[in-house]
Amino acid sequence: MPLIKRSISLSGHRTSLSLESEFWDVLETIAAERDQSLASLIGEIDASRGVEPLASSARVWVLRTLRG
């Protein structure tokens, strides 16, 4: 599965995040269900991740969210 890289602004700084399309799809769906932007959702994940890489944190966040 190829990674899809997107540029996102987090706390006023531009960064890029590379994830598989399936993870992007779920993140976009959850953001829409919450009536928030994708950047805002990624910002929440970023703020709670500690020292782990953002891409890994996003994947784990998606899995935990889907598991309930």
Protein backbone atom coordinates (compact mmCIF):
# COMPACT_ATOMS: atom_id res chain seq x y z
CA MET A 1 0.00 0.00 0.00
CA PRO A 2 1.50 3.31 -1.00
CA LEU A 3 1.64 6.13 1.50
CA ILE A 4 -0.17 9.37 0.79
CA LYS A 5 1.64 12.45 2.08
CA ARG A 6 -0.37 15.49 3.11
CA SER A 7 0.76 18.84 4.44
CA ILE A 8 -0.96 20.01 7.60
CA SER A 9 -0.59 23.07 9.79
CA LEU A 10 -0.22 22.15 13.47
CA SER A 11 0.10 24.91 16.05
CA GLY A 12 1.05 27.35 13.31
CA HIS A 13 3.77 25.13 11.84
CA ARG A 14 3.56 23.24 8.58
CA THR A 15 4.34 19.56 8.71
CA SER A 16 3.66 16.57 6.53
CA LEU A 17 2.02 13.31 7.46
CA SER A 18 2.23 10.13 5.41
CA LEU A 19 -0.47 7.49 5.88
CA GLU A 20 -2.13 4.80 3.83
CA SER A 21 -5.32 5.89 2.06
CA GLU A 22 -7.44 3.70 4.35
CA PHE A 23 -6.27 5.65 7.40
CA TRP A 24 -6.89 8.98 5.67
CA ASP A 25 -10.42 7.81 4.79
CA VAL A 26 -11.22 6.93 8.40
CA LEU A 27 -9.73 10.17 9.75
CA GLU A 28 -11.78 12.21 7.27
CA THR A 29 -14.95 10.31 8.17
CA ILE A 30 -14.43 10.80 11.91
CA ALA A 31 -13.63 14.50 11.45
CA ALA A 32 -16.83 14.95 9.41
CA GLU A 33 -18.90 13.08 12.02
CA ARG A 34 -17.48 15.40 14.69
CA ASP A 35 -18.08 18.45 12.48
CA GLN A 36 -14.42 19.44 12.68
CA SER A 37 -11.64 19.89 10.20
CA LEU A 38 -9.15 17.15 9.47
CA ALA A 39 -6.36 19.49 10.62
CA SER A 40 -8.13 20.00 13.94
CA LEU A 41 -8.49 16.26 14.46
CA ILE A 42 -4.83 15.66 13.59
CA GLY A 43 -3.97 18.48 16.00
CA GLU A 44 -5.76 16.63 18.82
CA ILE A 45 -3.85 13.46 18.02
CA ASP A 46 -0.60 15.44 17.90
CA ALA A 47 -1.27 17.10 21.27
CA SER A 48 -1.82 13.77 23.00
CA ARG A 49 0.92 11.68 21.41
CA GLY A 50 3.94 12.22 23.62
CA VAL A 51 7.20 11.25 21.92
CA GLU A 52 5.78 8.75 19.43
CA PRO A 53 5.91 9.65 15.71
CA LEU A 54 2.77 11.41 14.50
CA ALA A 55 2.04 8.82 11.78
CA SER A 56 2.23 5.95 14.27
CA SER A 57 0.09 7.85 16.75
CA ALA A 58 -2.53 8.54 14.08
CA ARG A 59 -2.71 4.87 13.10
CA VAL A 60 -3.06 3.73 16.72
CA TRP A 61 -5.65 6.44 17.39
CA VAL A 62 -7.73 5.24 14.43
CA LEU A 63 -7.55 1.63 15.61
CA ARG A 64 -8.50 2.52 19.18
CA THR A 65 -11.36 4.72 18.00
CA LEU A 66 -12.76 2.02 15.74
CA ARG A 67 -12.52 -0.55 18.53
CA GLY A 68 -14.51 1.75 20.80
